[in-house]
Amino acid sequence: MIKFERYQHIHDLFQHYLDETGNKAVASFLQSGVKSSEEAEAFSEFVWDIVERINRDEEEGKVVLGSTDNTEMLPDLNYEVSKYLRSVGFYSVWERVSERHLSGSAEH
């Protein structure tokens, strides 16, 4: 099971967006961990989907986890995901996916 120890609210954030999207693969990763670069890629893409959803929800004034603006959680999300993927040996996948999203060339 993936444990977010420093910022435990990140688990709640994942759970909210997993409930919203029904992403069974990422739900499975939270239970059993990321075990391959392909899983790390899917997990990282989902994290970026969370980022997009947080921004969209904030723009729309949608209440998520008791707040209409969860953008303050983005540094916590980055910290926990980076720490986790580094611990299981897939930090380079996170960096590659993040670079693609930050450069605006992400495929949807």
N, C-alpha and C. Protein backbone atom coordinates (compact mmCIF):
# COMPACT_ATOMS: atom_id res chain seq x y z
N MET A 1 0.85 -1.19 0.00
CA MET A 1 0.00 0.00 0.00
C MET A 1 0.89 1.25 0.00
N ILE A 2 0.54 2.19 -0.84
CA ILE A 2 1.28 3.45 -0.86
C ILE A 2 0.82 4.29 0.32
N LYS A 3 1.79 4.70 1.13
CA LYS A 3 1.49 5.54 2.29
C LYS A 3 2.09 6.92 2.08
N PHE A 4 1.25 7.92 2.19
CA PHE A 4 1.71 9.30 2.13
C PHE A 4 1.85 9.74 3.58
N GLU A 5 3.08 9.78 4.06
CA GLU A 5 3.30 9.94 5.49
C GLU A 5 3.41 11.38 5.95
N ARG A 6 4.08 12.21 5.19
CA ARG A 6 4.24 13.60 5.63
C ARG A 6 2.95 14.39 5.44
N TYR A 7 2.32 14.21 4.29
CA TYR A 7 1.07 14.93 3.97
C TYR A 7 -0.03 13.90 3.74
N GLN A 8 -0.62 13.44 4.83
CA GLN A 8 -1.59 12.36 4.75
C GLN A 8 -2.86 12.75 3.99
N HIS A 9 -3.13 14.06 3.89
CA HIS A 9 -4.32 14.50 3.15
C HIS A 9 -4.21 14.19 1.66
N ILE A 10 -3.01 13.87 1.18
CA ILE A 10 -2.84 13.52 -0.23
C ILE A 10 -3.57 12.22 -0.54
N HIS A 11 -3.64 11.32 0.43
CA HIS A 11 -4.44 10.10 0.23
C HIS A 11 -5.91 10.46 -0.01
N ASP A 12 -6.43 11.41 0.76
CA ASP A 12 -7.82 11.84 0.57
C ASP A 12 -8.03 12.45 -0.82
N LEU A 13 -7.04 13.20 -1.26
CA LEU A 13 -7.10 13.81 -2.59
C LEU A 13 -7.15 12.73 -3.67
N PHE A 14 -6.25 11.74 -3.57
CA PHE A 14 -6.27 10.62 -4.51
C PHE A 14 -7.62 9.92 -4.48
N GLN A 15 -8.11 9.64 -3.28
CA GLN A 15 -9.37 8.91 -3.16
C GLN A 15 -10.53 9.67 -3.80
N HIS A 16 -10.57 10.98 -3.58
CA HIS A 16 -11.64 11.80 -4.18
C HIS A 16 -11.62 11.67 -5.70
N TYR A 17 -10.45 11.86 -6.30
CA TYR A 17 -10.37 11.83 -7.76
C TYR A 17 -10.45 10.42 -8.32
N LEU A 18 -10.08 9.42 -7.55
CA LEU A 18 -10.31 8.03 -7.98
C LEU A 18 -11.80 7.74 -7.99
N ASP A 19 -12.52 8.22 -6.97
CA ASP A 19 -13.97 8.04 -6.94
C ASP A 19 -14.61 8.74 -8.13
N GLU A 20 -14.11 9.92 -8.46
CA GLU A 20 -14.67 10.71 -9.57
C GLU A 20 -14.38 10.06 -10.93
N THR A 21 -13.18 9.50 -11.09
CA THR A 21 -12.78 8.98 -12.40
C THR A 21 -13.02 7.48 -12.56
N GLY A 22 -13.06 6.76 -11.46
CA GLY A 22 -13.20 5.31 -11.54
C GLY A 22 -11.96 4.62 -12.09
N ASN A 23 -10.80 5.22 -11.93
CA ASN A 23 -9.55 4.67 -12.45
C ASN A 23 -9.13 3.47 -11.60
N LYS A 24 -9.49 2.28 -12.06
CA LYS A 24 -9.23 1.07 -11.30
C LYS A 24 -7.74 0.72 -11.24
N ALA A 25 -7.00 1.04 -12.28
CA ALA A 25 -5.56 0.74 -12.29
C ALA A 25 -4.85 1.51 -11.19
N VAL A 26 -5.10 2.82 -11.09
CA VAL A 26 -4.43 3.62 -10.07
C VAL A 26 -4.93 3.23 -8.68
N ALA A 27 -6.19 2.89 -8.56
CA ALA A 27 -6.71 2.42 -7.27
C ALA A 27 -5.93 1.17 -6.85
N SER A 28 -5.63 0.30 -7.80
CA SER A 28 -4.86 -0.91 -7.53
C SER A 28 -3.43 -0.56 -7.10
N PHE A 29 -2.83 0.45 -7.76
CA PHE A 29 -1.47 0.86 -7.39
C PHE A 29 -1.44 1.37 -5.95
N LEU A 30 -2.47 2.10 -5.54
CA LEU A 30 -2.50 2.60 -4.16
C LEU A 30 -2.54 1.44 -3.17
N GLN A 31 -3.16 0.33 -3.57
CA GLN A 31 -3.25 -0.82 -2.68
C GLN A 31 -1.98 -1.67 -2.71
N SER A 32 -1.41 -1.88 -3.91
CA SER A 32 -0.31 -2.84 -4.02
C SER A 32 1.03 -2.22 -4.40
N GLY A 33 1.04 -0.92 -4.71
CA GLY A 33 2.28 -0.26 -5.08
C GLY A 33 2.54 -0.29 -6.58
N VAL A 34 3.45 0.55 -7.00
CA VAL A 34 3.87 0.64 -8.41
C VAL A 34 5.04 -0.31 -8.59
N LYS A 35 4.93 -1.21 -9.58
CA LYS A 35 5.93 -2.26 -9.72
C LYS A 35 6.65 -2.28 -11.07
N SER A 36 6.29 -1.41 -11.99
CA SER A 36 6.96 -1.39 -13.30
C SER A 36 6.97 0.04 -13.83
N SER A 37 7.79 0.26 -14.85
CA SER A 37 7.84 1.60 -15.43
C SER A 37 6.51 1.94 -16.11
N GLU A 38 5.82 0.94 -16.64
CA GLU A 38 4.50 1.18 -17.25
C GLU A 38 3.50 1.63 -16.19
N GLU A 39 3.53 0.98 -15.04
CA GLU A 39 2.64 1.38 -13.94
C GLU A 39 3.02 2.76 -13.44
N ALA A 40 4.32 3.04 -13.36
CA ALA A 40 4.77 4.36 -12.92
C ALA A 40 4.30 5.44 -13.89
N GLU A 41 4.30 5.13 -15.16
CA GLU A 41 3.82 6.07 -16.18
C GLU A 41 2.33 6.34 -15.98
N ALA A 42 1.53 5.29 -15.82
CA ALA A 42 0.09 5.45 -15.62
C ALA A 42 -0.20 6.21 -14.32
N PHE A 43 0.53 5.89 -13.28
CA PHE A 43 0.38 6.57 -11.99
C PHE A 43 0.71 8.05 -12.14
N SER A 44 1.82 8.35 -12.80
CA SER A 44 2.25 9.74 -13.00
C SER A 44 1.25 10.52 -13.84
N GLU A 45 0.72 9.89 -14.88
CA GLU A 45 -0.30 10.55 -15.71
C GLU A 45 -1.53 10.87 -14.87
N PHE A 46 -1.90 9.95 -13.98
CA PHE A 46 -3.06 10.20 -13.13
C PHE A 46 -2.80 11.37 -12.19
N VAL A 47 -1.59 11.47 -11.68
CA VAL A 47 -1.25 12.60 -10.81
C VAL A 47 -1.43 13.90 -11.58
N TRP A 48 -1.00 13.94 -12.82
CA TRP A 48 -1.18 15.16 -13.62
C TRP A 48 -2.66 15.40 -13.93
N ASP A 49 -3.44 14.32 -14.04
CA ASP A 49 -4.90 14.47 -14.19
C ASP A 49 -5.47 15.11 -12.92
N ILE A 50 -4.98 14.71 -11.76
CA ILE A 50 -5.42 15.33 -10.50
C ILE A 50 -5.11 16.82 -10.53
N VAL A 51 -3.91 17.19 -10.96
CA VAL A 51 -3.52 18.60 -11.03
C VAL A 51 -4.50 19.37 -11.90
N GLU A 52 -4.80 18.83 -13.07
CA GLU A 52 -5.75 19.50 -13.98
C GLU A 52 -7.13 19.61 -13.35
N ARG A 53 -7.57 18.56 -12.67
CA ARG A 53 -8.89 18.58 -12.03
C ARG A 53 -8.94 19.57 -10.86
N ILE A 54 -7.85 19.66 -10.09
CA ILE A 54 -7.80 20.64 -8.99
C ILE A 54 -7.96 22.05 -9.57
N ASN A 55 -7.22 22.33 -10.62
CA ASN A 55 -7.32 23.66 -11.24
C ASN A 55 -8.70 23.92 -11.81
N ARG A 56 -9.28 22.94 -12.48
CA ARG A 56 -10.62 23.09 -13.04
C ARG A 56 -11.65 23.29 -11.94
N ASP A 57 -11.56 22.47 -10.89
CA ASP A 57 -12.52 22.58 -9.79
C ASP A 57 -12.42 23.95 -9.11
N GLU A 58 -11.20 24.46 -8.98
CA GLU A 58 -11.01 25.79 -8.38
C GLU A 58 -11.65 26.87 -9.26
N GLU A 59 -11.43 26.77 -10.57
CA GLU A 59 -12.01 27.75 -11.50
C GLU A 59 -13.53 27.72 -11.48
N GLU A 60 -14.09 26.52 -11.29
CA GLU A 60 -15.55 26.36 -11.28
C GLU A 60 -16.15 26.58 -9.89
N GLY A 61 -15.32 26.79 -8.89
CA GLY A 61 -15.82 26.99 -7.53
C GLY A 61 -16.39 25.73 -6.91
N LYS A 62 -15.97 24.57 -7.40
CA LYS A 62 -16.47 23.30 -6.89
C LYS A 62 -15.81 22.97 -5.55
N VAL A 63 -16.61 22.57 -4.58
CA VAL A 63 -16.08 22.21 -3.26
C VAL A 63 -15.57 20.77 -3.31
N VAL A 64 -14.28 20.63 -3.00
CA VAL A 64 -13.63 19.32 -2.93
C VAL A 64 -12.90 19.25 -1.60
N LEU A 65 -13.19 18.22 -0.83
CA LEU A 65 -12.58 18.05 0.49
C LEU A 65 -12.76 19.29 1.36
N GLY A 66 -13.92 19.91 1.23
CA GLY A 66 -14.26 21.05 2.08
C GLY A 66 -13.73 22.39 1.63
N SER A 67 -13.10 22.45 0.45
CA SER A 67 -12.53 23.70 -0.02
C SER A 67 -12.79 23.89 -1.51
N THR A 68 -12.94 25.15 -1.91
CA THR A 68 -13.09 25.46 -3.34
C THR A 68 -11.74 25.71 -3.99
N ASP A 69 -10.67 25.75 -3.20
CA ASP A 69 -9.33 25.97 -3.75
C ASP A 69 -8.34 25.04 -3.08
N ASN A 70 -8.03 23.94 -3.76
CA ASN A 70 -7.06 22.97 -3.23
C ASN A 70 -5.71 23.10 -3.90
N THR A 71 -5.48 24.22 -4.59
CA THR A 71 -4.19 24.41 -5.26
C THR A 71 -3.04 24.44 -4.26
N GLU A 72 -3.32 24.79 -3.00
CA GLU A 72 -2.26 24.80 -2.01
C GLU A 72 -1.74 23.39 -1.72
N MET A 73 -2.47 22.37 -2.14
CA MET A 73 -2.03 20.98 -1.96
C MET A 73 -1.04 20.53 -3.03
N LEU A 74 -0.88 21.31 -4.10
CA LEU A 74 -0.03 20.87 -5.21
C LEU A 74 1.42 20.61 -4.79
N PRO A 75 2.05 21.49 -3.98
CA PRO A 75 3.41 21.16 -3.54
C PRO A 75 3.47 19.89 -2.69
N ASP A 76 2.44 19.65 -1.88
CA ASP A 76 2.39 18.45 -1.05
C ASP A 76 2.26 17.21 -1.95
N LEU A 77 1.42 17.32 -2.99
CA LEU A 77 1.23 16.23 -3.94
C LEU A 77 2.56 15.91 -4.63
N ASN A 78 3.25 16.94 -5.09
CA ASN A 78 4.54 16.73 -5.74
C ASN A 78 5.54 16.07 -4.79
N TYR A 79 5.59 16.55 -3.56
CA TYR A 79 6.51 15.99 -2.57
C TYR A 79 6.25 14.50 -2.37
N GLU A 80 5.00 14.13 -2.11
CA GLU A 80 4.67 12.74 -1.80
C GLU A 80 4.89 11.82 -3.01
N VAL A 81 4.49 12.27 -4.19
CA VAL A 81 4.66 11.44 -5.39
C VAL A 81 6.14 11.28 -5.72
N SER A 82 6.89 12.38 -5.65
CA SER A 82 8.33 12.31 -5.92
C SER A 82 9.02 11.37 -4.94
N LYS A 83 8.70 11.52 -3.67
CA LYS A 83 9.32 10.69 -2.63
C LYS A 83 8.98 9.22 -2.86
N TYR A 84 7.72 8.94 -3.14
CA TYR A 84 7.31 7.55 -3.34
C TYR A 84 7.99 6.95 -4.57
N LEU A 85 7.90 7.63 -5.70
CA LEU A 85 8.47 7.06 -6.92
C LEU A 85 9.99 6.94 -6.83
N ARG A 86 10.64 7.82 -6.11
CA ARG A 86 12.08 7.69 -5.88
C ARG A 86 12.35 6.42 -5.06
N SER A 87 11.51 6.17 -4.05
CA SER A 87 11.73 5.02 -3.16
C SER A 87 11.56 3.68 -3.87
N VAL A 88 10.75 3.65 -4.95
CA VAL A 88 10.54 2.39 -5.67
C VAL A 88 11.32 2.34 -6.99
N GLY A 89 12.16 3.35 -7.23
CA GLY A 89 13.04 3.31 -8.38
C GLY A 89 12.49 3.84 -9.69
N PHE A 90 11.39 4.59 -9.64
CA PHE A 90 10.78 5.09 -10.87
C PHE A 90 10.70 6.61 -10.93
N TYR A 91 11.59 7.28 -10.20
CA TYR A 91 11.58 8.74 -10.21
C TYR A 91 11.81 9.30 -11.61
N SER A 92 12.64 8.63 -12.41
CA SER A 92 12.91 9.12 -13.78
C SER A 92 11.65 9.13 -14.62
N VAL A 93 10.74 8.19 -14.37
CA VAL A 93 9.46 8.18 -15.10
C VAL A 93 8.64 9.40 -14.71
N TRP A 94 8.59 9.69 -13.42
CA TRP A 94 7.87 10.88 -12.93
C TRP A 94 8.45 12.14 -13.55
N GLU A 95 9.76 12.24 -13.59
CA GLU A 95 10.41 13.41 -14.19
C GLU A 95 10.04 13.54 -15.67
N ARG A 96 10.08 12.44 -16.41
CA ARG A 96 9.77 12.47 -17.84
C ARG A 96 8.32 12.88 -18.08
N VAL A 97 7.39 12.29 -17.35
CA VAL A 97 5.96 12.63 -17.51
C VAL A 97 5.73 14.09 -17.12
N SER A 98 6.34 14.51 -16.03
CA SER A 98 6.17 15.89 -15.58
C SER A 98 6.72 16.88 -16.59
N GLU A 99 7.89 16.58 -17.13
CA GLU A 99 8.48 17.47 -18.13
C GLU A 99 7.57 17.61 -19.35
N ARG A 100 6.98 16.50 -19.76
CA ARG A 100 6.06 16.52 -20.90
C ARG A 100 4.85 17.41 -20.60
N HIS A 101 4.31 17.30 -19.40
CA HIS A 101 3.15 18.11 -19.04
C HIS A 101 3.53 19.58 -18.88
N LEU A 102 4.66 19.82 -18.27
CA LEU A 102 5.08 21.21 -18.05
C LEU A 102 5.45 21.92 -19.35
N SER A 103 5.89 21.16 -20.33
CA SER A 103 6.25 21.77 -21.62
C SER A 103 5.04 21.95 -22.53
N GLY A 104 3.90 21.42 -22.07
CA GLY A 104 2.65 21.59 -22.84
C GLY A 104 2.48 20.64 -23.99
N SER A 105 3.31 19.60 -24.05
CA SER A 105 3.21 18.68 -25.17
C SER A 105 2.58 17.35 -24.75
N ALA A 106 1.84 17.37 -23.67
CA ALA A 106 1.20 16.13 -23.19
C ALA A 106 0.15 15.67 -24.18
N GLU A 107 0.11 14.37 -24.38
CA GLU A 107 -0.90 13.78 -25.27
C GLU A 107 -2.12 13.42 -24.44
N HIS A 108 -3.29 13.76 -24.95
CA HIS A 108 -4.53 13.42 -24.25
C HIS A 108 -5.38 12.55 -25.11
